[in-house]
Protein backbone atom coordinates (compact mmCIF):
# COMPACT_ATOMS: atom_id res chain seq x y z
CA MET A 1 8.97 22.58 13.19
CA ASN A 2 8.29 18.81 13.52
CA ARG A 3 8.14 17.19 10.13
CA GLU A 4 8.44 13.48 8.69
CA ARG A 5 9.25 12.54 5.23
CA MET A 6 6.44 11.08 3.24
CA SER A 7 7.36 7.55 1.93
CA GLY A 8 8.15 7.09 -1.64
CA VAL A 9 4.86 5.37 -2.09
CA ASP A 10 3.01 7.68 -0.38
CA THR A 11 4.58 10.47 -2.45
CA ALA A 12 3.74 8.44 -5.91
CA TRP A 13 -0.01 9.16 -4.84
CA LEU A 14 0.44 12.39 -3.92
CA ARG A 15 1.73 13.50 -7.38
CA MET A 16 -0.90 11.24 -9.20
CA ASP A 17 -3.62 13.93 -8.84
CA SER A 18 -4.56 15.06 -12.45
CA PRO A 19 -7.41 17.23 -13.64
CA ALA A 20 -9.37 14.38 -14.65
CA ASN A 21 -8.59 11.93 -11.91
CA LEU A 22 -8.16 13.21 -8.46
CA MET A 23 -6.50 10.55 -5.90
CA MET A 24 -8.97 10.84 -3.53
CA ILE A 25 -11.14 7.62 -1.95
CA VAL A 26 -14.72 9.02 -1.70
CA GLY A 27 -17.02 6.90 0.21
CA VAL A 28 -20.62 7.56 1.84
CA TRP A 29 -21.94 6.57 5.17
CA VAL A 30 -25.90 6.12 5.48
CA PHE A 31 -27.30 6.53 9.44
CA GLU A 32 -30.18 5.18 10.06
CA THR A 33 -31.07 8.20 12.20
CA PRO A 34 -30.12 11.75 12.44
CA MET A 35 -26.80 12.65 12.79
CA ALA A 36 -25.87 15.82 15.21
CA ARG A 37 -22.88 17.35 13.99
CA GLU A 38 -21.57 18.21 17.59
CA ARG A 39 -21.86 14.72 18.53
CA LEU A 40 -19.89 13.43 15.09
CA LEU A 41 -17.20 16.41 15.42
CA ALA A 42 -16.73 14.94 19.25
CA ARG A 43 -16.05 11.55 18.17
CA LEU A 44 -13.66 12.64 15.24
CA ARG A 45 -11.62 14.72 17.87
CA GLU A 46 -11.53 11.29 20.44
CA ARG A 47 -10.77 8.48 17.50
CA LEU A 48 -9.68 10.84 14.51
CA LEU A 49 -7.30 13.07 15.72
CA VAL A 50 -5.18 10.80 17.27
CA PHE A 51 -3.75 9.89 14.07
CA ASP A 52 -0.97 12.43 12.98
CA ARG A 53 -2.31 12.66 9.62
CA PHE A 54 -5.53 13.82 9.71
CA ARG A 55 -3.84 17.11 11.43
CA GLN A 56 -0.89 17.52 9.37
CA VAL A 57 -0.55 19.34 5.82
CA VAL A 58 2.07 18.12 2.89
CA ARG A 59 4.70 20.35 2.13
CA THR A 60 6.73 19.56 -0.70
CA ASP A 61 10.99 21.04 -1.46
CA ALA A 62 13.46 20.11 -3.78
CA THR A 63 14.33 17.11 -1.54
CA GLY A 64 10.64 15.43 -1.85
CA ALA A 65 7.63 15.86 0.28
CA TRP A 66 6.74 16.11 3.91
CA TRP A 67 4.23 15.87 6.47
CA VAL A 68 4.25 18.91 8.73
CA ASP A 69 1.55 19.57 11.63
CA ASP A 70 -0.93 22.21 10.72
CA PRO A 71 -0.31 25.18 13.19
CA ASP A 72 -3.94 26.42 12.29
CA PHE A 73 -5.63 23.36 12.24
CA ASP A 74 -9.36 23.65 12.68
CA LEU A 75 -11.85 20.90 12.48
CA ASP A 76 -14.61 22.90 11.25
CA HIS A 77 -12.74 23.24 8.09
CA HIS A 78 -13.04 19.59 7.35
CA VAL A 79 -16.43 18.75 8.75
CA VAL A 80 -18.82 20.74 6.56
CA ASP A 81 -22.54 20.96 6.04
CA ALA A 82 -23.83 19.83 2.55
CA ARG A 83 -27.27 19.81 0.69
CA LEU A 84 -28.67 17.48 -2.11
CA PRO A 85 -29.03 18.65 -5.40
CA ARG A 86 -32.10 17.78 -7.27
CA PRO A 87 -34.12 15.15 -6.95
CA GLY A 88 -32.48 14.80 -3.53
CA GLY A 89 -32.85 11.13 -2.26
CA ALA A 90 -30.40 8.59 -3.19
CA ARG A 91 -30.18 10.15 -7.05
CA GLY A 92 -29.24 13.03 -5.30
CA LEU A 93 -26.82 11.78 -2.90
CA GLN A 94 -25.04 10.01 -5.69
CA ARG A 95 -24.65 13.40 -7.74
CA LEU A 96 -23.33 15.08 -4.58
CA ALA A 97 -20.54 12.35 -4.33
CA ALA A 98 -19.88 12.62 -8.39
CA ARG A 99 -19.48 16.49 -7.82
CA LEU A 100 -17.22 16.14 -4.75
CA ALA A 101 -15.12 13.40 -6.54
CA ALA A 102 -13.98 15.77 -8.96
CA GLN A 103 -13.42 18.66 -6.44
CA PRO A 104 -9.75 19.04 -5.52
CA LEU A 105 -9.37 19.26 -1.69
CA PRO A 106 -7.52 22.17 -0.41
CA PRO A 107 -3.64 21.93 -0.35
CA SER A 108 -3.09 24.57 2.27
CA ARG A 109 -4.72 22.17 5.02
CA PRO A 110 -4.95 18.42 5.82
CA LEU A 111 -5.84 16.28 2.83
CA TRP A 112 -9.23 14.90 3.65
CA GLN A 113 -12.90 16.57 4.54
CA PHE A 114 -16.37 15.24 5.34
CA HIS A 115 -19.73 16.45 3.97
CA LEU A 116 -22.23 16.19 6.62
CA VAL A 117 -25.92 15.64 4.98
CA GLU A 118 -28.26 16.05 8.06
CA GLN A 119 -31.42 15.74 6.13
CA TYR A 120 -31.41 12.42 3.93
CA ASP A 121 -34.20 10.06 3.66
CA GLY A 122 -35.40 10.90 7.26
CA ALA A 123 -31.84 10.43 8.45
CA SER A 124 -28.12 11.53 7.83
CA ALA A 125 -25.92 11.00 5.46
CA LEU A 126 -21.65 11.29 5.22
CA VAL A 127 -19.79 11.77 2.10
CA THR A 128 -15.81 11.26 2.86
CA ARG A 129 -12.85 12.35 1.01
CA ILE A 130 -9.49 11.09 1.70
CA HIS A 131 -6.28 11.57 -0.14
CA HIS A 132 -4.91 8.36 -1.13
CA CYS A 133 -1.33 9.52 0.19
CA ILE A 134 -3.02 9.08 3.77
CA ALA A 135 -4.02 5.71 3.45
CA ASP A 136 -5.14 2.78 1.36
CA GLY A 137 -8.35 0.70 2.06
CA ILE A 138 -7.48 -1.53 4.47
CA ALA A 139 -6.09 1.07 6.80
CA LEU A 140 -8.79 3.34 6.36
CA VAL A 141 -11.61 0.30 7.12
CA LYS A 142 -9.48 -0.05 10.54
CA VAL A 143 -9.59 3.66 11.07
CA MET A 144 -13.45 3.49 10.47
CA LEU A 145 -13.85 0.54 13.07
CA SER A 146 -11.53 2.31 15.79
CA MET A 147 -14.57 5.51 15.26
CA SER A 148 -17.13 2.98 16.09
CA ASP A 149 -18.98 2.78 19.91
CA ASP A 150 -17.11 -0.76 19.96
CA GLY A 151 -14.20 -0.07 18.31
CA THR A 152 -10.71 0.27 20.60
CA PRO A 153 -9.31 3.59 20.10
CA VAL A 154 -6.34 3.58 18.77
CA ALA A 155 -3.15 5.20 21.07
CA PRO A 156 -1.02 7.95 19.81
CA ARG A 157 1.74 6.30 18.10
CA ARG A 158 5.27 8.30 18.95
CA ARG A 159 6.37 10.97 17.05
CA ALA A 160 9.00 10.47 14.30
CA ARG A 161 12.31 12.15 14.97
CA ALA A 162 12.43 15.89 13.91
CA LEU A 163 14.26 16.08 10.87
CA PRO A 164 16.44 19.05 9.41
CA ALA A 165 15.45 21.54 6.95
CA GLY A 166 17.88 20.50 4.30
CA GLY A 167 18.16 16.84 2.81
CA GLU A 168 18.98 13.59 4.44
CA GLY A 169 21.90 12.77 1.83
CA HIS A 170 22.87 9.14 0.84
CA GLU A 171 22.03 7.64 3.68
CA ASP A 172 18.29 8.65 3.24
CA LEU A 173 18.04 7.42 -0.63
CA ALA A 174 19.98 4.32 0.45
CA ARG A 175 17.08 3.83 3.01
CA SER A 176 14.47 4.78 0.59
CA LEU A 177 16.03 2.37 -2.42
CA MET A 178 15.75 -0.60 0.34
CA ALA A 179 12.37 0.14 1.29
CA ALA A 180 11.60 0.08 -2.50
CA ILE A 181 13.12 -3.40 -2.53
CA GLU A 182 11.91 -4.84 0.69
CA PRO A 183 8.73 -6.06 -0.41
CA VAL A 184 10.25 -8.26 -2.97
CA GLY A 185 13.01 -9.50 -1.16
CA ARG A 186 10.34 -10.51 2.01
CA THR A 187 8.22 -12.19 -0.76
CA ALA A 188 11.22 -14.43 -2.52
CA VAL A 189 12.47 -15.48 1.46
CA ARG A 190 9.15 -16.54 2.07
CA VAL A 191 8.96 -18.65 -1.25
CA LEU A 192 12.09 -19.97 -0.48
CA GLY A 193 11.28 -21.13 2.98
CA GLN A 194 8.53 -22.75 1.94
CA ALA A 195 10.51 -24.58 -0.55
CA GLY A 196 12.08 -26.36 2.45
CA GLY A 197 15.04 -24.26 3.48
CA SER A 198 17.94 -21.65 2.65
CA VAL A 199 20.12 -21.45 -0.50
CA ALA A 200 23.05 -21.62 1.76
CA ARG A 201 21.81 -24.88 3.22
CA ALA A 202 21.16 -26.10 0.28
CA ALA A 203 24.44 -25.43 -1.30
CA GLY A 204 25.97 -27.10 1.87
CA GLU A 205 24.29 -30.38 1.31
CA GLY A 206 24.19 -30.27 -2.40
CA ASP A 207 20.28 -30.30 -2.46
CA ALA A 208 19.31 -30.20 -6.50
CA GLY A 209 15.54 -29.81 -5.00
CA GLN A 210 16.63 -26.65 -3.41
CA PHE A 211 18.58 -25.20 -6.13
CA ALA A 212 15.06 -26.08 -8.36
CA GLN A 213 13.05 -24.16 -5.91
CA TRP A 214 15.40 -21.32 -6.13
CA ALA A 215 15.90 -21.21 -9.69
CA ALA A 216 11.81 -21.40 -10.23
CA ALA A 217 11.44 -18.40 -7.85
CA GLY A 218 13.88 -16.61 -9.70
CA LEU A 219 12.47 -17.55 -13.05
CA ARG A 220 8.96 -16.49 -11.94
CA LEU A 221 10.29 -13.21 -10.55
CA ALA A 222 11.82 -12.63 -14.07
CA GLN A 223 8.77 -13.47 -16.21
CA ASP A 224 6.18 -10.85 -13.90
CA ALA A 225 8.98 -8.50 -14.59
CA MET A 226 8.59 -9.05 -18.02
CA SER A 227 4.69 -9.35 -18.22
CA ILE A 228 4.07 -5.76 -16.52
CA ALA A 229 7.16 -4.31 -18.82
CA LEU A 230 5.42 -5.84 -21.90
CA MET A 231 1.43 -5.88 -21.64
CA THR A 232 -0.48 -5.62 -24.86
CA GLU A 233 -3.33 -3.13 -24.36
CA ASP A 234 -6.83 -5.09 -23.85
CA SER A 235 -9.90 -4.66 -26.06
CA ARG A 236 -10.61 -0.93 -27.18
CA THR A 237 -14.50 -0.36 -25.57
CA ARG A 238 -16.03 2.59 -24.57
CA PHE A 239 -14.74 2.54 -21.42
CA LYS A 240 -11.76 3.83 -23.02
CA GLY A 241 -10.47 7.53 -23.98
CA LYS A 242 -9.54 10.46 -22.69
CA PRO A 243 -11.82 11.21 -19.23
CA GLY A 244 -12.97 14.71 -18.44
CA ARG A 245 -13.27 16.27 -15.08
CA ARG A 246 -16.91 15.21 -14.30
CA LYS A 247 -17.71 11.85 -12.85
CA ALA A 248 -20.97 10.02 -12.07
CA VAL A 249 -21.41 7.32 -9.55
CA ALA A 250 -23.39 4.62 -8.59
CA TRP A 251 -24.36 2.02 -6.08
CA ASN A 252 -26.76 -1.13 -5.77
CA GLU A 253 -28.77 -2.90 -3.40
CA PRO A 254 -26.22 -5.54 -1.65
CA LEU A 255 -26.14 -8.89 -2.32
CA PRO A 256 -26.72 -11.26 0.54
CA ILE A 257 -23.23 -12.83 1.57
CA ASP A 258 -25.02 -16.01 2.46
CA GLU A 259 -25.81 -16.88 -1.35
CA VAL A 260 -22.75 -15.92 -2.46
CA LYS A 261 -20.99 -18.56 -0.06
CA ALA A 262 -23.07 -21.17 -1.29
CA VAL A 263 -22.15 -20.41 -4.77
CA CYS A 264 -18.49 -20.87 -3.85
CA ARG A 265 -18.94 -23.99 -1.92
CA ALA A 266 -21.39 -25.16 -4.66
CA LEU A 267 -18.51 -24.84 -7.32
CA GLY A 268 -15.35 -24.94 -5.45
CA VAL A 269 -14.38 -21.37 -6.14
CA SER A 270 -13.77 -18.20 -4.33
CA VAL A 271 -15.77 -15.51 -3.12
CA ASN A 272 -13.65 -12.84 -5.18
CA ASP A 273 -13.83 -15.33 -8.26
CA VAL A 274 -17.73 -14.98 -8.12
CA LEU A 275 -17.66 -11.38 -7.53
CA LEU A 276 -15.42 -10.71 -10.10
CA SER A 277 -17.15 -12.86 -12.79
CA CYS A 278 -20.31 -11.08 -12.01
CA VAL A 279 -18.32 -7.71 -12.73
CA ALA A 280 -17.27 -8.73 -16.08
CA GLY A 281 -20.97 -10.53 -16.92
CA ALA A 282 -22.48 -7.20 -16.00
CA LEU A 283 -20.07 -4.67 -17.98
CA ARG A 284 -20.58 -7.45 -20.85
CA ARG A 285 -24.29 -6.72 -20.64
CA TYR A 286 -23.82 -2.78 -20.76
CA LEU A 287 -21.94 -3.21 -23.53
CA ALA A 288 -24.53 -5.34 -25.38
CA GLU A 289 -27.55 -3.28 -24.27
CA ARG A 290 -25.96 -0.30 -26.39
CA GLY A 291 -25.14 -2.48 -29.19
CA ASP A 292 -21.32 -2.89 -28.69
CA ALA A 293 -19.47 -6.02 -29.82
CA THR A 294 -18.94 -8.48 -26.91
CA GLU A 295 -17.48 -11.37 -28.69
CA GLY A 296 -13.71 -11.90 -27.68
CA ILE A 297 -13.87 -8.78 -25.55
CA GLU A 298 -10.83 -8.51 -22.81
CA LEU A 299 -11.01 -5.49 -20.37
CA ARG A 300 -7.92 -5.35 -17.68
CA ALA A 301 -8.94 -4.14 -14.32
CA MET A 302 -5.61 -3.05 -12.07
CA VAL A 303 -6.51 -4.95 -8.87
CA PRO A 304 -4.99 -3.88 -5.61
CA VAL A 305 -3.28 -6.57 -3.33
CA ASN A 306 -2.79 -6.28 0.28
CA LEU A 307 0.89 -6.70 1.60
CA ARG A 308 0.79 -5.26 5.37
CA PRO A 309 1.05 -7.41 7.61
CA PRO A 310 -1.98 -8.57 10.15
CA GLN A 311 -0.37 -6.73 12.88
CA GLN A 312 0.00 -3.61 11.15
CA GLU A 313 -3.62 -3.26 9.51
CA ALA A 314 -4.11 -0.03 11.32
CA ARG A 315 -1.12 1.81 10.57
CA LEU A 316 -1.64 4.47 7.86
CA GLY A 317 -0.07 5.07 4.38
CA ASN A 318 -0.20 2.69 1.07
CA ARG A 319 1.62 -1.02 1.60
CA PHE A 320 -0.51 -2.80 -1.55
CA GLY A 321 0.75 -3.42 -5.07
CA LEU A 322 -1.24 -3.81 -8.14
CA VAL A 323 -1.83 -6.93 -10.13
CA PRO A 324 -3.26 -6.57 -13.83
CA LEU A 325 -6.26 -8.98 -14.00
CA VAL A 326 -7.75 -9.47 -17.62
CA LEU A 327 -11.74 -10.08 -17.43
CA PRO A 328 -12.91 -12.46 -20.03
CA VAL A 329 -15.91 -10.19 -20.81
CA GLY A 330 -16.59 -11.91 -24.22
CA ILE A 331 -17.18 -14.88 -22.32
CA ALA A 332 -21.51 -15.21 -22.27
CA ASN A 333 -21.58 -18.34 -20.54
CA PRO A 334 -21.73 -17.67 -16.48
CA LEU A 335 -20.08 -20.89 -15.67
CA ALA A 336 -17.42 -20.75 -18.38
CA ARG A 337 -16.97 -17.00 -17.36
CA LEU A 338 -16.48 -18.04 -13.65
CA ARG A 339 -14.04 -20.81 -14.23
CA GLU A 340 -12.30 -18.60 -16.57
CA VAL A 341 -11.55 -15.77 -14.14
CA GLY A 342 -10.56 -18.24 -11.12
CA ARG A 343 -7.75 -19.59 -13.84
CA ARG A 344 -6.72 -16.13 -14.24
CA MET A 345 -6.41 -15.28 -10.64
CA ASP A 346 -4.55 -18.64 -9.89
CA GLU A 347 -2.03 -17.52 -12.33
CA LEU A 348 -1.54 -14.12 -10.35
CA LYS A 349 -1.76 -15.72 -7.09
CA GLY A 350 1.66 -16.67 -5.30
CA GLY A 351 3.29 -14.69 -8.22
CA PHE A 352 5.53 -11.31 -7.80
CA GLN A 353 3.56 -9.00 -9.81
CA ALA A 354 2.22 -7.37 -6.37
CA PRO A 355 5.34 -6.76 -4.44
CA LEU A 356 7.29 -5.40 -8.27
CA ALA A 357 4.45 -2.85 -8.43
CA TYR A 358 4.56 -1.64 -4.94
CA ALA A 359 8.44 -1.59 -5.61
CA LEU A 360 8.10 0.57 -8.77
CA LEU A 361 5.54 2.81 -7.06
CA SER A 362 8.40 3.49 -4.08
CA ALA A 363 11.21 4.28 -6.86
CA ILE A 364 8.69 6.29 -8.69
CA GLY A 365 7.71 8.52 -6.03
CA GLN A 366 11.58 9.11 -5.27
CA ALA A 367 12.21 9.86 -8.99
CA PRO A 368 11.44 13.12 -11.20
CA ARG A 369 7.64 13.57 -11.52
CA ALA A 370 8.48 13.54 -15.47
CA LEU A 371 9.41 10.14 -15.15
CA GLN A 372 6.42 8.97 -12.63
CA THR A 373 4.07 10.46 -15.34
CA GLY A 374 5.54 8.20 -17.94
CA VAL A 375 5.13 5.02 -16.33
CA LEU A 376 2.07 5.77 -15.04
CA ASP A 377 0.69 6.67 -18.60
CA TYR A 378 2.09 3.52 -20.00
CA LEU A 379 0.36 1.46 -16.85
CA SER A 380 -3.11 3.32 -17.58
CA HIS A 381 -3.07 3.09 -21.54
CA LYS A 382 -2.76 -0.84 -20.94
CA SER A 383 -5.91 -1.00 -18.56
CA SER A 384 -9.45 -0.07 -18.74
CA ALA A 385 -10.71 0.05 -14.99
CA VAL A 386 -9.33 -0.20 -11.57
CA MET A 387 -11.03 -2.58 -9.24
CA THR A 388 -10.73 -3.57 -5.68
CA ASN A 389 -12.29 -5.80 -3.02
CA VAL A 390 -11.95 -4.36 0.84
CA PRO A 391 -13.82 -6.52 3.73
CA GLY A 392 -15.77 -4.65 6.03
CA PRO A 393 -17.16 -5.52 9.03
CA ALA A 394 -19.63 -8.37 9.28
CA GLU A 395 -21.94 -6.95 12.10
CA PRO A 396 -23.28 -3.18 12.29
CA ILE A 397 -21.34 -0.46 13.73
CA ARG A 398 -22.46 2.28 15.48
CA ILE A 399 -21.02 5.82 15.72
CA VAL A 400 -22.14 7.70 18.98
CA GLY A 401 -25.05 5.64 18.95
CA ASN A 402 -26.15 6.20 15.68
CA THR A 403 -26.33 2.86 13.44
CA VAL A 404 -24.84 2.64 10.02
CA ARG A 405 -27.07 1.34 7.70
CA ARG A 406 -25.01 0.98 4.53
CA VAL A 407 -21.20 2.06 3.64
CA MET A 408 -19.96 2.51 0.31
CA PHE A 409 -16.78 3.77 -1.43
CA TRP A 410 -14.94 4.56 -4.63
CA VAL A 411 -11.58 3.88 -5.88
CA PRO A 412 -9.69 6.82 -7.64
CA GLN A 413 -8.50 6.21 -11.25
CA SER A 414 -5.19 6.94 -12.21
CA GLY A 415 -4.24 8.32 -15.79
CA ASP A 416 -6.57 8.28 -18.71
CA ILE A 417 -8.58 5.29 -16.66
CA GLY A 418 -12.38 6.36 -16.70
CA LEU A 419 -13.87 3.13 -14.79
CA GLY A 420 -13.42 2.22 -11.07
CA VAL A 421 -15.06 -0.54 -9.42
CA SER A 422 -15.23 -0.99 -5.68
CA ILE A 423 -16.65 -4.16 -3.71
CA LEU A 424 -17.29 -3.83 0.01
CA SER A 425 -18.97 -6.37 2.22
CA TYR A 426 -20.71 -5.06 5.38
CA ARG A 427 -23.53 -6.41 7.67
CA GLY A 428 -24.06 -9.56 5.90
CA GLY A 429 -24.43 -7.69 1.96
CA VAL A 430 -21.65 -6.94 -0.77
CA GLN A 431 -22.12 -3.75 -1.79
CA PHE A 432 -20.79 -2.81 -5.55
CA GLY A 433 -20.05 0.82 -6.18
CA VAL A 434 -19.04 2.02 -9.64
CA MET A 435 -17.51 5.53 -10.34
CA THR A 436 -17.02 6.40 -13.90
CA ASP A 437 -15.90 9.35 -16.25
CA ALA A 438 -19.23 11.06 -17.38
CA GLY A 439 -17.91 11.74 -20.56
CA LEU A 440 -17.01 7.94 -21.53
CA CYS A 441 -19.89 6.66 -19.38
CA PRO A 442 -22.61 8.90 -18.20
CA ASP A 443 -24.72 6.23 -16.80
CA PRO A 444 -23.09 3.78 -14.05
CA GLN A 445 -26.00 2.68 -12.72
CA ARG A 446 -26.70 0.61 -15.96
CA ILE A 447 -23.61 -1.30 -14.88
CA ILE A 448 -24.72 -1.68 -11.58
CA ASP A 449 -28.06 -2.73 -12.23
CA GLY A 450 -26.23 -5.97 -13.97
CA PHE A 451 -24.74 -7.28 -11.16
CA ALA A 452 -27.96 -8.72 -9.45
CA PRO A 453 -29.08 -10.39 -12.67
CA GLU A 454 -25.37 -11.96 -13.48
CA PHE A 455 -25.61 -13.43 -9.99
CA GLU A 456 -28.88 -14.84 -10.05
CA ARG A 457 -27.74 -16.48 -13.70
CA LEU A 458 -25.25 -18.63 -11.22
CA LEU A 459 -28.13 -19.23 -8.95
CA LEU A 460 -30.32 -20.61 -12.06
CA THR A 461 -27.49 -22.62 -12.44
CA LEU A 462 -27.25 -24.33 -9.22
CA ALA A 463 -30.98 -24.80 -9.12
CA LEU A 464 -31.49 -26.92 -12.30
CA VAL A 465 -28.42 -28.39 -12.65
CA PRO A 466 -27.25 -31.79 -10.87
CA PRO A 467 -24.53 -31.12 -8.47
CA GLY A 468 -22.47 -33.97 -9.76
CA VAL A 469 -22.21 -31.95 -13.25
CA LEU A 470 -21.01 -28.47 -11.78
CA ARG A 471 -17.16 -29.30 -11.11
CA ASP A 472 -17.07 -31.31 -14.33
CA GLU A 473 -14.77 -29.95 -16.88
CA ASP A 474 -17.63 -29.81 -19.70
CA ALA A 475 -19.69 -28.58 -17.41
CA PRO A 476 -19.91 -24.77 -19.12
CA ALA A 477 -20.99 -26.73 -22.53
CA GLN A 478 -23.88 -29.17 -20.60
CA ILE A 479 -25.22 -26.16 -18.73
CA GLU A 480 -25.60 -24.20 -21.88
CA GLN A 481 -27.68 -26.68 -23.29
CA ARG A 482 -29.63 -27.21 -20.17
CA LEU A 483 -30.51 -24.00 -19.25
CA LEU A 484 -32.78 -22.76 -22.38
CA GLY A 485 -34.22 -20.17 -20.28
CA MET A 486 -31.34 -18.64 -19.57
CA PRO A 487 -30.87 -14.82 -21.09
CA ALA A 488 -27.93 -14.68 -23.59
CA ALA A 489 -26.88 -11.27 -22.50
């Protein structure tokens, strides 16, 4: 039987499942017209099943995890009809997605399932569940695009060489270890290359500047490794605690991307800075509404960083690292909060934390499960949330002639983390999605409802403050005095 060894990183995601947090990427597609089941099945056979992973089961033995062709594969097991719980509509769709997010995928079959709601808001909806060991968000967006009417079908890739039933010995272990450290090495080489030459050339020419650049890269690598190892816990809020087995999900009406970019141009910041600042403001607003302390609150979110080369974006598997971003939830002033988010993001950019985290996941995926659990428990205790931002297509996509009106997804939370925030751009809008543990935060819609008001506060800043003031160092204090009508929130 043909089988292929699972990578260390993908194995780590496979073993990350827990009763409270299942490692599934859950998504919702809303169509503009009814979707016929048979037409959807035909498109999946044509475009999705060319990827081996969607026809393979996972088998584990003493040597690790393996991808094995499913001899009993049946597409009808993976595309199932679903009915909305009361009251139906968007609320019912949210409840269905939340229930499915807490329901394990059958381990005896390929680890994915689509749930077709043929009667939803006069059209249809599709709830998708794909285990994280199959692919990350960037790869899954490319899969989605390949399924669209305008997408380019993916040619079946050449199968891996069939491997013997036993272990692969020291040679395979060496390859696994090299795969673990390769991202770090590649980043270091890029840093040195940008510095103007190799260490060997610097040694030959006696160039002190080159040695200084090399030493700086090594020091940054050591500092980033220590910052991961010595992380302190973030603020204790209602988002922290022991999660249970019930989930709650919510989404908002999309923010116009053109308005977001206009704010970015006026303030000289990135789109990501603006969106993350709105997330921090919405979380602050939620805590304040419940009478919780907000002054000085800082919430650490694990943020995925794509490490995949552009030419490999359609390749399945996981190629991303995680960086710990501490959100300044305690800052009330919207511009001051935005500035601080940008400053913290700049500190993380160009560093080694993302490739170090990737290497760590790869290594613990090859290590005993108890070691992996200990490492993940350590990281989850230092964090309150997982947040991700995935760019989607700017133009509407169509599946067998049916336009996808809305796309949402939710990232899984690992360990004891009970809050996940997902940001996806699509069709000129920015969609926020929140998934929470129902015991810790039963009403994520209240968080979602805070995103638009926080963004509007930034728009109000642009409308009422002269442009020359916006980029001054003292701008936040000046704006706080001038915008007397702005809610304190």
